[in-house]
Amino acid sequence: MGERLKGKVVLVTGGTRGIGKAIVEAVASEGAKVIINFRSSISEAEEMVRKLRDAGIDAISVRADVSKESEVERMFEIIRENYGILHGIVNNAGHGSGRIWNKRFTDLAWSDFEEVLSVDLKGTFLVSKFGVGLMRDGGSIVNVASISAKMGDIMGIPYLVAKAGVISLTKSMALWLAPKIRVNALVLGSIETGWINWLSDDEVKRIINYIPMGRLGRPEEVAKAVVFLLSDESSFITGHAIVIDGGECMACD
C-alpha cells in the first residue's frame, strides 16, 4: 500500500470495468478514499466497494448517468454528504457501442454523434462543472481522451470527435481553474479493453503492427499515469494532453 494519494478523496466515473476499474484499484492502493461512479453495473460496483472496504479502504459507489445533469448534481450531493470535499476527479466514463464504432461515414446519423457526445464530452463537462465546487483545497482533474482525436480514423468517428472536444475542453478548463485546480488529459492509444471485441483478429493484428512496443496497452499502465497526475508529483503540470500509446502516434505528442 502506497501513500502518494493518502488522505485525498477521488471520484472515478465509469469505475467498474476496464480502465476505470484499474484506476480505482490504483488510486485506492495509494491511500485515496474512492468514489466509484457507475451507470448500470450495480453488482460490479457493490463487489468492488466490498473488496476495498475489506482491505481497509474507504470507498463508496454512486449511480449516475453522467450525461444527465440532474443525476450528476445528485451524485455530488451524495459525495458532499459523505466526504464534504473532493481532491481528484477522473473523467473516464465513455459510451461504448460496436454498432456505432463500425458504421461507415455515409451510414452515420447525427443521432449517433449525440449518443456518444452526451457521455464522453457532455459528461466530462457536467462532472467537472459540479465537481469543482467541492475542490475547495485545490486538486487535479484527469480527462480521458484518445489518439484517434489527433490522428483521425475511418472507424469510430463520433467517438474521435467527442474525444477531440475533451482535449479542447481540458485546455480551457486548465486556464479557468488555475492555479488551484490542475486539469490534464490522457490521450490513449490502443488499450486492451472491451472495444477489442468489436474487431476481427486481423484488425487487431493490424493495429498491433503499428505499435512500436509490439502489443496493446494494459489498463493498469493507464492507471499509473492517473495516479501521477492526481498526486503532488505533477504539481506543475496542467493543460496538457499526455499521450500513452506505446509509440503508435509519435506525431501526436
C-alpha atoms as a PDB file:
ATOM      1  CA  MET A   1       0.000   0.000   0.000  1.00  0.00           C
ATOM      2  CA  GLY A   2       1.454   3.348  -1.047  1.00  0.00           C
ATOM      3  CA  GLU A   3       0.773   6.827   0.270  1.00  0.00           C
ATOM      4  CA  ARG A   4       1.033   9.080  -2.787  1.00  0.00           C
ATOM      5  CA  LEU A   5      -2.677   9.927  -2.504  1.00  0.00           C
ATOM      6  CA  LYS A   6      -3.097   9.475   1.239  1.00  0.00           C
ATOM      7  CA  GLY A   7      -5.998  11.496   2.594  1.00  0.00           C
ATOM      8  CA  LYS A   8      -7.272  12.520  -0.835  1.00  0.00           C
ATOM      9  CA  VAL A   9     -10.848  11.912  -1.948  1.00  0.00           C
ATOM     10  CA  VAL A  10     -11.068  10.846  -5.594  1.00  0.00           C
ATOM     11  CA  LEU A  11     -14.040  10.303  -7.894  1.00  0.00           C
ATOM     12  CA  VAL A  12     -13.666   7.912 -10.831  1.00  0.00           C
ATOM     13  CA  THR A  13     -16.501   7.895 -13.363  1.00  0.00           C
ATOM     14  CA  GLY A  14     -17.202   4.670 -15.204  1.00  0.00           C
ATOM     15  CA  GLY A  15     -15.214   2.984 -12.481  1.00  0.00           C
ATOM     16  CA  THR A  16     -16.428  -0.615 -12.554  1.00  0.00           C
ATOM     17  CA  ARG A  17     -14.821  -2.048 -15.681  1.00  0.00           C
ATOM     18  CA  GLY A  18     -11.713  -1.938 -17.837  1.00  0.00           C
ATOM     19  CA  ILE A  19      -9.622   1.186 -17.447  1.00  0.00           C
ATOM     20  CA  GLY A  20     -11.957   2.648 -14.843  1.00  0.00           C
ATOM     21  CA  LYS A  21     -11.651  -0.388 -12.593  1.00  0.00           C
ATOM     22  CA  ALA A  22      -7.856  -0.339 -12.908  1.00  0.00           C
ATOM     23  CA  ILE A  23      -7.849   3.352 -11.968  1.00  0.00           C
ATOM     24  CA  VAL A  24      -9.999   2.735  -8.893  1.00  0.00           C
ATOM     25  CA  GLU A  25      -7.680  -0.031  -7.735  1.00  0.00           C
ATOM     26  CA  ALA A  26      -4.576   2.082  -8.346  1.00  0.00           C
ATOM     27  CA  VAL A  27      -5.743   5.210  -6.527  1.00  0.00           C
ATOM     28  CA  ALA A  28      -7.075   3.120  -3.646  1.00  0.00           C
ATOM     29  CA  SER A  29      -3.718   1.338  -3.349  1.00  0.00           C
ATOM     30  CA  GLU A  30      -2.071   4.752  -2.935  1.00  0.00           C
ATOM     31  CA  GLY A  31      -4.230   5.695   0.039  1.00  0.00           C
ATOM     32  CA  ALA A  32      -7.110   7.597  -1.578  1.00  0.00           C
ATOM     33  CA  LYS A  33     -10.715   7.455  -0.463  1.00  0.00           C
ATOM     34  CA  VAL A  34     -12.569   6.413  -3.601  1.00  0.00           C
ATOM     35  CA  ILE A  35     -15.980   7.195  -5.047  1.00  0.00           C
ATOM     36  CA  ILE A  36     -16.861   4.730  -7.799  1.00  0.00           C
ATOM     37  CA  ASN A  37     -19.378   6.113 -10.271  1.00  0.00           C
ATOM     38  CA  PHE A  38     -21.396   3.706 -12.402  1.00  0.00           C
ATOM     39  CA  ARG A  39     -24.494   3.860 -14.596  1.00  0.00           C
ATOM     40  CA  SER A  40     -25.844   0.315 -14.777  1.00  0.00           C
ATOM     41  CA  SER A  41     -23.304  -2.174 -13.397  1.00  0.00           C
ATOM     42  CA  ILE A  42     -24.572  -2.130  -9.811  1.00  0.00           C
ATOM     43  CA  SER A  43     -23.392  -5.647  -8.890  1.00  0.00           C
ATOM     44  CA  GLU A  44     -19.842  -4.912 -10.047  1.00  0.00           C
ATOM     45  CA  ALA A  45     -19.835  -1.618  -8.137  1.00  0.00           C
ATOM     46  CA  GLU A  46     -21.064  -3.231  -4.919  1.00  0.00           C
ATOM     47  CA  GLU A  47     -18.491  -6.015  -5.203  1.00  0.00           C
ATOM     48  CA  MET A  48     -15.668  -3.524  -5.732  1.00  0.00           C
ATOM     49  CA  VAL A  49     -16.732  -1.490  -2.716  1.00  0.00           C
ATOM     50  CA  ARG A  50     -16.920  -4.628  -0.598  1.00  0.00           C
ATOM     51  CA  LYS A  51     -13.410  -5.720  -1.579  1.00  0.00           C
ATOM     52  CA  LEU A  52     -11.958  -2.277  -0.988  1.00  0.00           C
ATOM     53  CA  ARG A  53     -13.574  -1.967   2.434  1.00  0.00           C
ATOM     54  CA  ASP A  54     -12.365  -5.446   3.361  1.00  0.00           C
ATOM     55  CA  ALA A  55      -8.876  -4.165   2.572  1.00  0.00           C
ATOM     56  CA  GLY A  56      -9.379  -1.209   4.909  1.00  0.00           C
ATOM     57  CA  ILE A  57     -10.017   1.345   2.151  1.00  0.00           C
ATOM     58  CA  ASP A  58     -12.721   3.992   2.425  1.00  0.00           C
ATOM     59  CA  ALA A  59     -14.936   3.569  -0.654  1.00  0.00           C
ATOM     60  CA  ILE A  60     -18.487   4.167  -1.811  1.00  0.00           C
ATOM     61  CA  SER A  61     -20.287   3.705  -5.121  1.00  0.00           C
ATOM     62  CA  VAL A  62     -22.739   6.203  -6.615  1.00  0.00           C
ATOM     63  CA  ARG A  63     -25.035   5.546  -9.528  1.00  0.00           C
ATOM     64  CA  ALA A  64     -25.356   8.391 -12.031  1.00  0.00           C
ATOM     65  CA  ASP A  65     -25.672   8.722 -15.776  1.00  0.00           C
ATOM     66  CA  VAL A  66     -23.057  11.421 -16.418  1.00  0.00           C
ATOM     67  CA  SER A  67     -24.973  12.632 -19.478  1.00  0.00           C
ATOM     68  CA  LYS A  68     -27.889  13.733 -17.282  1.00  0.00           C
ATOM     69  CA  GLU A  69     -27.383  16.940 -15.334  1.00  0.00           C
ATOM     70  CA  SER A  70     -29.860  16.139 -12.575  1.00  0.00           C
ATOM     71  CA  GLU A  71     -28.154  12.807 -11.856  1.00  0.00           C
ATOM     72  CA  VAL A  72     -24.692  14.373 -11.819  1.00  0.00           C
ATOM     73  CA  GLU A  73     -25.885  17.092  -9.444  1.00  0.00           C
ATOM     74  CA  ARG A  74     -27.383  14.456  -7.138  1.00  0.00           C
ATOM     75  CA  MET A  75     -24.141  12.444  -7.254  1.00  0.00           C
ATOM     76  CA  PHE A  76     -22.232  15.397  -5.883  1.00  0.00           C
ATOM     77  CA  GLU A  77     -24.815  15.920  -3.165  1.00  0.00           C
ATOM     78  CA  ILE A  78     -24.074  12.342  -2.056  1.00  0.00           C
ATOM     79  CA  ILE A  79     -20.327  12.977  -2.208  1.00  0.00           C
ATOM     80  CA  ARG A  80     -20.787  16.158  -0.159  1.00  0.00           C
ATOM     81  CA  GLU A  81     -22.836  14.282   2.432  1.00  0.00           C
ATOM     82  CA  ASN A  82     -20.219  11.520   2.738  1.00  0.00           C
ATOM     83  CA  TYR A  83     -16.953  13.430   2.453  1.00  0.00           C
ATOM     84  CA  GLY A  84     -17.608  17.156   2.218  1.00  0.00           C
ATOM     85  CA  ILE A  85     -14.616  17.639  -0.042  1.00  0.00           C
ATOM     86  CA  LEU A  86     -13.013  16.334  -3.214  1.00  0.00           C
ATOM     87  CA  HIS A  87      -9.373  16.368  -4.334  1.00  0.00           C
ATOM     88  CA  GLY A  88      -9.436  14.453  -7.610  1.00  0.00           C
ATOM     89  CA  ILE A  89     -11.772  13.701 -10.498  1.00  0.00           C
ATOM     90  CA  VAL A  90     -11.092  11.148 -13.213  1.00  0.00           C
ATOM     91  CA  ASN A  91     -13.481  11.609 -16.132  1.00  0.00           C
ATOM     92  CA  ASN A  92     -13.232   8.092 -17.506  1.00  0.00           C
ATOM     93  CA  ALA A  93     -16.881   7.299 -18.322  1.00  0.00           C
ATOM     94  CA  GLY A  94     -17.353   6.725 -22.033  1.00  0.00           C
ATOM     95  CA  HIS A  95     -20.012   5.495 -24.387  1.00  0.00           C
ATOM     96  CA  GLY A  96     -19.276   2.042 -25.809  1.00  0.00           C
ATOM     97  CA  SER A  97     -21.067   0.856 -28.922  1.00  0.00           C
ATOM     98  CA  GLY A  98     -19.727  -1.536 -31.510  1.00  0.00           C
ATOM     99  CA  ARG A  99     -22.787  -0.684 -33.598  1.00  0.00           C
ATOM    100  CA  ILE A 100     -21.727   2.959 -33.904  1.00  0.00           C
ATOM    101  CA  TRP A 101     -18.000   2.237 -33.971  1.00  0.00           C
ATOM    102  CA  ASN A 102     -18.229   0.109 -37.101  1.00  0.00           C
ATOM    103  CA  LYS A 103     -20.506   2.412 -39.121  1.00  0.00           C
ATOM    104  CA  ARG A 104     -19.200   3.867 -42.366  1.00  0.00           C
ATOM    105  CA  PHE A 105     -19.177   7.666 -42.544  1.00  0.00           C
ATOM    106  CA  THR A 106     -22.082   7.770 -45.003  1.00  0.00           C
ATOM    107  CA  ASP A 107     -24.147   5.461 -42.793  1.00  0.00           C
ATOM    108  CA  LEU A 108     -23.811   7.613 -39.686  1.00  0.00           C
ATOM    109  CA  ALA A 109     -26.737   9.655 -38.405  1.00  0.00           C
ATOM    110  CA  TRP A 110     -26.398  12.768 -36.273  1.00  0.00           C
ATOM    111  CA  SER A 111     -28.142  10.834 -33.506  1.00  0.00           C
ATOM    112  CA  ASP A 112     -25.067   8.570 -33.393  1.00  0.00           C
ATOM    113  CA  PHE A 113     -22.922  11.605 -32.643  1.00  0.00           C
ATOM    114  CA  GLU A 114     -25.344  12.854 -29.999  1.00  0.00           C
ATOM    115  CA  GLU A 115     -25.364   9.442 -28.316  1.00  0.00           C
ATOM    116  CA  VAL A 116     -21.577   9.423 -27.931  1.00  0.00           C
ATOM    117  CA  LEU A 117     -21.058  13.142 -27.304  1.00  0.00           C
ATOM    118  CA  SER A 118     -23.617  13.124 -24.491  1.00  0.00           C
ATOM    119  CA  VAL A 119     -21.435  10.806 -22.408  1.00  0.00           C
ATOM    120  CA  ASP A 120     -17.852  11.442 -23.498  1.00  0.00           C
ATOM    121  CA  LEU A 121     -17.957  15.226 -23.850  1.00  0.00           C
ATOM    122  CA  LYS A 122     -21.090  16.452 -22.088  1.00  0.00           C
ATOM    123  CA  GLY A 123     -20.450  14.030 -19.224  1.00  0.00           C
ATOM    124  CA  THR A 124     -16.889  15.281 -18.786  1.00  0.00           C
ATOM    125  CA  PHE A 125     -18.180  18.858 -18.700  1.00  0.00           C
ATOM    126  CA  LEU A 126     -21.014  18.194 -16.249  1.00  0.00           C
ATOM    127  CA  VAL A 127     -18.933  16.164 -13.801  1.00  0.00           C
ATOM    128  CA  SER A 128     -16.179  18.786 -13.835  1.00  0.00           C
ATOM    129  CA  LYS A 129     -18.603  21.706 -13.520  1.00  0.00           C
ATOM    130  CA  PHE A 130     -20.324  20.330 -10.443  1.00  0.00           C
ATOM    131  CA  GLY A 131     -17.194  18.734  -9.012  1.00  0.00           C
ATOM    132  CA  VAL A 132     -15.029  21.835  -8.757  1.00  0.00           C
ATOM    133  CA  GLY A 133     -17.364  23.233  -6.123  1.00  0.00           C
ATOM    134  CA  LEU A 134     -16.125  20.549  -3.743  1.00  0.00           C
ATOM    135  CA  MET A 135     -12.443  21.063  -4.595  1.00  0.00           C
ATOM    136  CA  ARG A 136     -12.026  23.993  -2.225  1.00  0.00           C
ATOM    137  CA  ASP A 137      -8.497  22.935  -1.242  1.00  0.00           C
ATOM    138  CA  GLY A 138      -7.492  22.563  -4.883  1.00  0.00           C
ATOM    139  CA  GLY A 139      -6.832  19.341  -6.685  1.00  0.00           C
ATOM    140  CA  SER A 140      -6.476  17.636 -10.031  1.00  0.00           C
ATOM    141  CA  ILE A 141      -8.855  16.640 -12.819  1.00  0.00           C
ATOM    142  CA  VAL A 142      -7.846  13.965 -15.318  1.00  0.00           C
ATOM    143  CA  ASN A 143      -9.872  13.593 -18.511  1.00  0.00           C
ATOM    144  CA  VAL A 144      -9.604  10.544 -20.748  1.00  0.00           C
ATOM    145  CA  ALA A 145      -9.158  11.138 -24.485  1.00  0.00           C
ATOM    146  CA  SER A 146      -7.799   9.161 -27.429  1.00  0.00           C
ATOM    147  CA  ILE A 147      -5.120   9.415 -30.096  1.00  0.00           C
ATOM    148  CA  SER A 148      -7.856   8.986 -32.693  1.00  0.00           C
ATOM    149  CA  ALA A 149      -8.886  12.552 -31.844  1.00  0.00           C
ATOM    150  CA  LYS A 150      -5.498  13.721 -33.112  1.00  0.00           C
ATOM    151  CA  MET A 151      -4.969  11.242 -35.945  1.00  0.00           C
ATOM    152  CA  GLY A 152      -8.430  10.799 -37.406  1.00  0.00           C
ATOM    153  CA  ASP A 153      -9.759   7.355 -38.258  1.00  0.00           C
ATOM    154  CA  ILE A 154     -12.164   5.676 -40.652  1.00  0.00           C
ATOM    155  CA  MET A 155     -13.905   3.942 -37.740  1.00  0.00           C
ATOM    156  CA  GLY A 156     -15.437   5.278 -34.542  1.00  0.00           C
ATOM    157  CA  ILE A 157     -15.923   8.758 -35.977  1.00  0.00           C
ATOM    158  CA  PRO A 158     -18.401  10.040 -33.337  1.00  0.00           C
ATOM    159  CA  TYR A 159     -16.013   8.768 -30.654  1.00  0.00           C
ATOM    160  CA  LEU A 160     -12.970  10.584 -32.030  1.00  0.00           C
ATOM    161  CA  VAL A 161     -14.985  13.785 -32.468  1.00  0.00           C
ATOM    162  CA  ALA A 162     -16.079  13.589 -28.821  1.00  0.00           C
ATOM    163  CA  LYS A 163     -12.531  12.982 -27.633  1.00  0.00           C
ATOM    164  CA  ALA A 164     -11.233  15.920 -29.684  1.00  0.00           C
ATOM    165  CA  GLY A 165     -13.739  18.001 -27.754  1.00  0.00           C
ATOM    166  CA  VAL A 166     -12.434  16.581 -24.485  1.00  0.00           C
ATOM    167  CA  ILE A 167      -8.889  17.691 -25.348  1.00  0.00           C
ATOM    168  CA  SER A 168     -10.036  21.233 -26.160  1.00  0.00           C
ATOM    169  CA  LEU A 169     -12.205  21.336 -23.040  1.00  0.00           C
ATOM    170  CA  THR A 170      -9.221  20.217 -20.949  1.00  0.00           C
ATOM    171  CA  LYS A 171      -7.132  23.180 -22.069  1.00  0.00           C
ATOM    172  CA  SER A 172      -9.912  25.686 -21.431  1.00  0.00           C
ATOM    173  CA  MET A 173     -10.617  24.202 -18.008  1.00  0.00           C
ATOM    174  CA  ALA A 174      -6.928  24.369 -17.131  1.00  0.00           C
ATOM    175  CA  LEU A 175      -6.911  28.100 -17.877  1.00  0.00           C
ATOM    176  CA  TRP A 176     -10.106  28.790 -15.961  1.00  0.00           C
ATOM    177  CA  LEU A 177      -9.318  26.717 -12.890  1.00  0.00           C
ATOM    178  CA  ALA A 178      -5.625  27.548 -12.387  1.00  0.00           C
ATOM    179  CA  PRO A 179      -3.810  27.881 -10.106  1.00  0.00           C
ATOM    180  CA  LYS A 180      -5.792  25.877  -7.524  1.00  0.00           C
ATOM    181  CA  ILE A 181      -7.024  23.055  -9.752  1.00  0.00           C
ATOM    182  CA  ARG A 182      -4.898  21.349 -12.385  1.00  0.00           C
ATOM    183  CA  VAL A 183      -6.542  19.781 -15.444  1.00  0.00           C
ATOM    184  CA  ASN A 184      -4.897  17.353 -17.843  1.00  0.00           C
ATOM    185  CA  ALA A 185      -5.978  14.772 -20.392  1.00  0.00           C
ATOM    186  CA  LEU A 186      -4.592  11.319 -21.034  1.00  0.00           C
ATOM    187  CA  VAL A 187      -4.625  10.621 -24.761  1.00  0.00           C
ATOM    188  CA  LEU A 188      -4.806   6.871 -25.034  1.00  0.00           C
ATOM    189  CA  GLY A 189      -3.687   4.612 -27.810  1.00  0.00           C
ATOM    190  CA  SER A 190      -4.902   1.042 -28.233  1.00  0.00           C
ATOM    191  CA  ILE A 191      -5.562  -0.250 -24.738  1.00  0.00           C
ATOM    192  CA  GLU A 192      -6.783  -3.816 -24.253  1.00  0.00           C
ATOM    193  CA  THR A 193     -10.364  -3.364 -23.088  1.00  0.00           C
ATOM    194  CA  GLY A 194     -13.835  -4.327 -24.327  1.00  0.00           C
ATOM    195  CA  TRP A 195     -13.636  -2.451 -27.629  1.00  0.00           C
ATOM    196  CA  ILE A 196     -11.248  -5.118 -28.907  1.00  0.00           C
ATOM    197  CA  ASN A 197     -14.250  -7.439 -29.104  1.00  0.00           C
ATOM    198  CA  TRP A 198     -15.722  -5.221 -31.822  1.00  0.00           C
ATOM    199  CA  LEU A 199     -12.802  -6.038 -34.135  1.00  0.00           C
ATOM    200  CA  SER A 200     -11.748  -9.089 -36.091  1.00  0.00           C
ATOM    201  CA  ASP A 201      -8.492 -10.870 -35.268  1.00  0.00           C
ATOM    202  CA  ASP A 202      -6.965  -9.446 -38.458  1.00  0.00           C
ATOM    203  CA  GLU A 203      -7.905  -5.912 -37.429  1.00  0.00           C
ATOM    204  CA  VAL A 204      -6.331  -6.375 -34.005  1.00  0.00           C
ATOM    205  CA  LYS A 205      -3.148  -7.700 -35.621  1.00  0.00           C
ATOM    206  CA  ARG A 206      -3.085  -4.718 -37.969  1.00  0.00           C
ATOM    207  CA  ILE A 207      -3.302  -2.318 -35.030  1.00  0.00           C
ATOM    208  CA  ILE A 208      -0.529  -4.084 -33.137  1.00  0.00           C
ATOM    209  CA  ASN A 209       1.703  -3.915 -36.213  1.00  0.00           C
ATOM    210  CA  TYR A 210       1.532  -0.119 -35.985  1.00  0.00           C
ATOM    211  CA  ILE A 211       2.634  -0.058 -32.341  1.00  0.00           C
ATOM    212  CA  PRO A 212       6.425   0.069 -31.881  1.00  0.00           C
ATOM    213  CA  MET A 213       6.087  -1.622 -28.479  1.00  0.00           C
ATOM    214  CA  GLY A 214       4.541  -4.592 -30.311  1.00  0.00           C
ATOM    215  CA  ARG A 215       1.488  -5.015 -28.107  1.00  0.00           C
ATOM    216  CA  LEU A 216      -1.680  -3.387 -26.839  1.00  0.00           C
ATOM    217  CA  GLY A 217      -1.522  -1.245 -23.733  1.00  0.00           C
ATOM    218  CA  ARG A 218      -2.808  -2.505 -20.391  1.00  0.00           C
ATOM    219  CA  PRO A 219      -5.391  -0.706 -18.222  1.00  0.00           C
ATOM    220  CA  GLU A 220      -3.006  -0.707 -15.269  1.00  0.00           C
ATOM    221  CA  GLU A 221      -0.468   1.250 -17.332  1.00  0.00           C
ATOM    222  CA  VAL A 222      -3.045   3.980 -17.793  1.00  0.00           C
ATOM    223  CA  ALA A 223      -3.907   3.841 -14.100  1.00  0.00           C
ATOM    224  CA  LYS A 224      -0.293   4.518 -13.101  1.00  0.00           C
ATOM    225  CA  ALA A 225      -0.319   7.706 -15.153  1.00  0.00           C
ATOM    226  CA  VAL A 226      -3.573   8.760 -13.495  1.00  0.00           C
ATOM    227  CA  VAL A 227      -2.031   8.316 -10.044  1.00  0.00           C
ATOM    228  CA  PHE A 228       0.878  10.528 -11.097  1.00  0.00           C
ATOM    229  CA  LEU A 229      -1.424  13.281 -12.374  1.00  0.00           C
ATOM    230  CA  LEU A 230      -3.573  13.162  -9.232  1.00  0.00           C
ATOM    231  CA  SER A 231      -0.570  13.266  -6.940  1.00  0.00           C
ATOM    232  CA  ASP A 232       1.599  16.187  -5.854  1.00  0.00           C
ATOM    233  CA  GLU A 233       4.361  14.758  -8.039  1.00  0.00           C
ATOM    234  CA  SER A 234       2.714  16.502 -11.013  1.00  0.00           C
ATOM    235  CA  SER A 235       2.160  19.803  -9.186  1.00  0.00           C
ATOM    236  CA  PHE A 236       3.477  21.930 -12.105  1.00  0.00           C
ATOM    237  CA  ILE A 237       1.666  20.095 -14.900  1.00  0.00           C
ATOM    238  CA  THR A 238      -1.625  21.452 -16.211  1.00  0.00           C
ATOM    239  CA  GLY A 239      -3.358  21.946 -19.551  1.00  0.00           C
ATOM    240  CA  HIS A 240      -1.573  19.081 -21.247  1.00  0.00           C
ATOM    241  CA  ALA A 241      -2.736  16.151 -23.354  1.00  0.00           C
ATOM    242  CA  ILE A 242      -0.338  13.375 -22.404  1.00  0.00           C
ATOM    243  CA  VAL A 243      -0.098  10.510 -24.886  1.00  0.00           C
ATOM    244  CA  ILE A 244       0.041   6.888 -23.690  1.00  0.00           C
ATOM    245  CA  ASP A 245       0.195   4.710 -26.783  1.00  0.00           C
ATOM    246  CA  GLY A 246       3.356   2.609 -26.985  1.00  0.00           C
ATOM    247  CA  GLY A 247       4.590   4.845 -29.785  1.00  0.00           C
ATOM    248  CA  GLU A 248       1.536   4.312 -32.007  1.00  0.00           C
ATOM    249  CA  CYS A 249       1.242   8.002 -32.783  1.00  0.00           C
ATOM    250  CA  MET A 250       4.600   9.674 -32.217  1.00  0.00           C
ATOM    251  CA  ALA A 251       3.487  12.775 -34.130  1.00  0.00           C
ATOM    252  CA  CYS A 252       0.661  13.265 -31.618  1.00  0.00           C
ATOM    253  CA  ASP A 253       2.937  14.313 -28.744  1.00  0.00           C
END
